[in-house]
Amino acid sequence: MSSYDELLEENIKLKSEIEQLKKEIAALKSHVSATDNKKQINSHSININSTLEEKIKLYRSLFHGRNDVFALRWDNESKNTCGYKPYCINEWKHGICNKSEVKCSDCDFRKYKSLEDKDIIDHLSGQKTIGLYPHECHHIAAFTFEKVMKAAKAKYVLGLTF
């Protein structure tokens, strides 16, 4: 093998390693963020009069997932189907998104939206329904807040909804 071929092979290996390290960094950042949000909030003290910040903090302490991407629920009423998809900032943007011809997973312009407090507010107020993706190393599955609300005692979640 020539030295050029060896360098090319090494370059490919290094690029692959860089991509893997980027994924690990994102997972660790998300984990650190989730850990920071675990500051003790007494769910008994959250009620309808609690501040928005307190409600968001409680939500983040109860539901952990990746912060670099989240799922958004979609509904197709004509086909009576629904599901979740990663929230892409560029979806349907003219000149960028060509969703009718290219699958999202194959799109060179896909850019996932990070989970922000505004998204949680929109979720809790019913403006949109979000789902969380698990950290690679954790055992949670993507789920929505509503599924847990049904199982939780009303006195704990009453103050969360608006």
Protein backbone atom coordinates (compact mmCIF):
# COMPACT_ATOMS: atom_id res chain seq x y z
CA MET A 1 0.00 0.00 0.00
CA SER A 2 1.32 3.44 -0.88
CA SER A 3 1.80 6.12 1.72
CA TYR A 4 -1.02 8.11 0.07
CA ASP A 5 -3.42 5.17 0.48
CA GLU A 6 -2.33 4.72 4.08
CA LEU A 7 -2.92 8.42 4.81
CA LEU A 8 -6.30 8.28 3.10
CA GLU A 9 -7.31 5.25 5.15
CA GLU A 10 -6.14 6.94 8.35
CA ASN A 11 -8.08 10.07 7.40
CA ILE A 12 -11.29 8.04 6.97
CA LYS A 13 -10.77 6.32 10.33
CA LEU A 14 -10.16 9.66 12.07
CA LYS A 15 -13.26 11.24 10.54
CA SER A 16 -15.31 8.30 11.74
CA GLU A 17 -13.81 8.60 15.21
CA ILE A 18 -14.56 12.34 15.26
CA GLU A 19 -18.22 11.68 14.42
CA GLN A 20 -18.45 9.09 17.20
CA LEU A 21 -16.83 11.49 19.68
CA LYS A 22 -19.29 14.23 18.68
CA LYS A 23 -22.16 11.87 19.46
CA GLU A 24 -20.63 10.98 22.82
CA ILE A 25 -20.11 14.66 23.65
CA ALA A 26 -23.74 15.46 22.81
CA ALA A 27 -24.95 12.56 24.98
CA LEU A 28 -22.73 13.67 27.87
CA LYS A 29 -23.85 17.31 27.56
CA SER A 30 -27.45 16.18 27.59
CA HIS A 31 -26.81 13.95 30.62
CA VAL A 32 -25.06 16.77 32.51
CA SER A 33 -27.96 19.10 31.71
CA ALA A 34 -30.47 16.53 32.96
CA THR A 35 -28.41 16.01 36.11
CA ASP A 36 -28.32 19.78 36.73
CA ASN A 37 -32.10 19.88 36.45
CA LYS A 38 -32.48 17.22 39.16
CA LYS A 39 -32.12 19.86 41.85
CA GLN A 40 -34.64 18.78 44.40
CA ILE A 41 -38.11 20.06 43.70
CA ASN A 42 -40.77 18.91 46.06
CA SER A 43 -43.63 17.88 43.77
CA HIS A 44 -46.01 18.34 46.71
CA SER A 45 -45.29 22.08 46.62
CA ILE A 46 -46.10 22.52 42.91
CA ASN A 47 -49.64 23.74 42.30
CA ILE A 48 -51.68 25.95 39.99
CA ASN A 49 -50.12 29.04 41.60
CA SER A 50 -46.52 27.87 41.08
CA THR A 51 -44.35 29.91 38.76
CA LEU A 52 -43.74 28.82 35.21
CA GLU A 53 -40.05 28.34 36.07
CA GLU A 54 -40.97 25.96 38.93
CA LYS A 55 -43.26 23.94 36.65
CA ILE A 56 -40.60 23.65 33.96
CA LYS A 57 -38.00 22.64 36.54
CA LEU A 58 -40.34 19.93 37.84
CA TYR A 59 -41.03 18.69 34.31
CA ARG A 60 -37.31 18.48 33.55
CA SER A 61 -36.66 16.67 36.85
CA LEU A 62 -39.31 14.06 36.03
CA PHE A 63 -38.60 13.56 32.33
CA HIS A 64 -35.04 13.02 31.20
CA GLY A 65 -33.90 12.64 27.66
CA ARG A 66 -31.64 14.11 25.08
CA ASN A 67 -31.69 17.90 24.96
CA ASP A 68 -30.11 18.14 21.52
CA VAL A 69 -33.24 16.74 19.80
CA PHE A 70 -36.83 15.94 20.66
CA ALA A 71 -39.79 14.39 18.88
CA LEU A 72 -42.85 16.23 17.66
CA ARG A 73 -46.19 14.47 17.22
CA TRP A 74 -47.78 14.50 13.78
CA ASP A 75 -51.34 13.60 12.81
CA ASN A 76 -52.73 12.70 9.39
CA GLU A 77 -56.48 13.00 9.78
CA SER A 78 -57.25 11.84 6.23
CA LYS A 79 -55.42 8.54 6.80
CA ASN A 80 -56.28 8.42 10.52
CA THR A 81 -52.62 7.93 11.44
CA CYS A 82 -50.26 9.64 13.84
CA GLY A 83 -46.74 9.30 15.17
CA TYR A 84 -43.62 11.14 16.25
CA LYS A 85 -40.69 12.48 14.25
CA PRO A 86 -37.54 14.36 15.16
CA TYR A 87 -38.18 18.11 15.12
CA CYS A 88 -36.20 19.51 12.17
CA ILE A 89 -35.65 23.27 12.01
CA ASN A 90 -35.44 23.16 8.22
CA GLU A 91 -38.57 21.11 7.58
CA TRP A 92 -40.62 22.53 4.67
CA LYS A 93 -38.35 25.61 4.36
CA HIS A 94 -38.45 26.77 0.74
CA GLY A 95 -35.17 26.14 -1.07
CA ILE A 96 -33.82 23.92 1.73
CA CYS A 97 -36.28 21.12 2.43
CA ASN A 98 -37.22 18.83 -0.41
CA LYS A 99 -39.26 16.44 1.72
CA SER A 100 -41.51 15.39 -1.15
CA GLU A 101 -38.50 13.85 -2.93
CA VAL A 102 -35.94 13.08 -0.18
CA LYS A 103 -36.56 11.16 3.03
CA CYS A 104 -35.70 13.16 6.14
CA SER A 105 -33.15 10.55 7.20
CA ASP A 106 -31.32 11.04 3.87
CA CYS A 107 -31.50 14.84 3.83
CA ASP A 108 -28.22 16.76 3.88
CA PHE A 109 -29.99 19.79 5.37
CA ARG A 110 -31.66 18.20 8.38
CA LYS A 111 -30.95 20.16 11.53
CA TYR A 112 -32.56 19.05 14.76
CA LYS A 113 -33.98 21.54 17.22
CA SER A 114 -32.73 21.48 20.81
CA LEU A 115 -35.31 21.12 23.57
CA GLU A 116 -35.92 24.54 25.12
CA ASP A 117 -38.17 25.76 27.91
CA LYS A 118 -40.50 27.29 25.29
CA ASP A 119 -41.08 23.80 23.82
CA ILE A 120 -42.00 22.48 27.26
CA ILE A 121 -44.37 25.43 27.78
CA ASP A 122 -46.01 24.75 24.40
CA HIS A 123 -46.33 21.08 25.37
CA LEU A 124 -47.84 21.74 28.79
CA SER A 125 -50.28 24.29 27.34
CA GLY A 126 -51.41 21.85 24.64
CA GLN A 127 -50.05 23.79 21.67
CA LYS A 128 -47.92 20.84 20.59
CA THR A 129 -47.13 17.35 21.80
CA ILE A 130 -43.50 16.44 22.26
CA GLY A 131 -41.67 13.22 23.03
CA LEU A 132 -38.23 12.67 24.46
CA TYR A 133 -35.46 10.52 23.05
CA PRO A 134 -33.45 8.52 25.58
CA HIS A 135 -29.81 8.99 26.35
CA GLU A 136 -27.81 6.17 24.75
CA CYS A 137 -26.77 4.83 28.12
CA HIS A 138 -30.14 5.12 29.87
CA HIS A 139 -33.08 2.77 29.96
CA ILE A 140 -35.94 5.18 29.33
CA ALA A 141 -37.94 5.07 26.12
CA ALA A 142 -39.28 8.02 24.15
CA PHE A 143 -42.58 8.93 25.73
CA THR A 144 -44.88 11.84 26.27
CA PHE A 145 -45.94 13.57 29.41
CA GLU A 146 -49.58 12.53 28.96
CA LYS A 147 -48.81 8.82 29.42
CA VAL A 148 -47.25 9.48 32.80
CA MET A 149 -49.95 11.95 33.83
CA LYS A 150 -52.56 9.20 33.52
CA ALA A 151 -50.64 7.03 35.94
CA ALA A 152 -49.71 9.79 38.40
CA LYS A 153 -51.89 11.03 41.20
CA ALA A 154 -53.82 14.16 40.22
CA LYS A 155 -52.58 16.18 43.18
CA TYR A 156 -49.02 16.00 41.83
CA VAL A 157 -49.77 17.05 38.27
CA LEU A 158 -52.70 19.40 38.74
CA GLY A 159 -50.44 22.41 39.11
CA LEU A 160 -48.42 21.61 35.98
CA THR A 161 -51.06 22.20 33.35
CA PHE A 162 -52.18 25.68 32.48
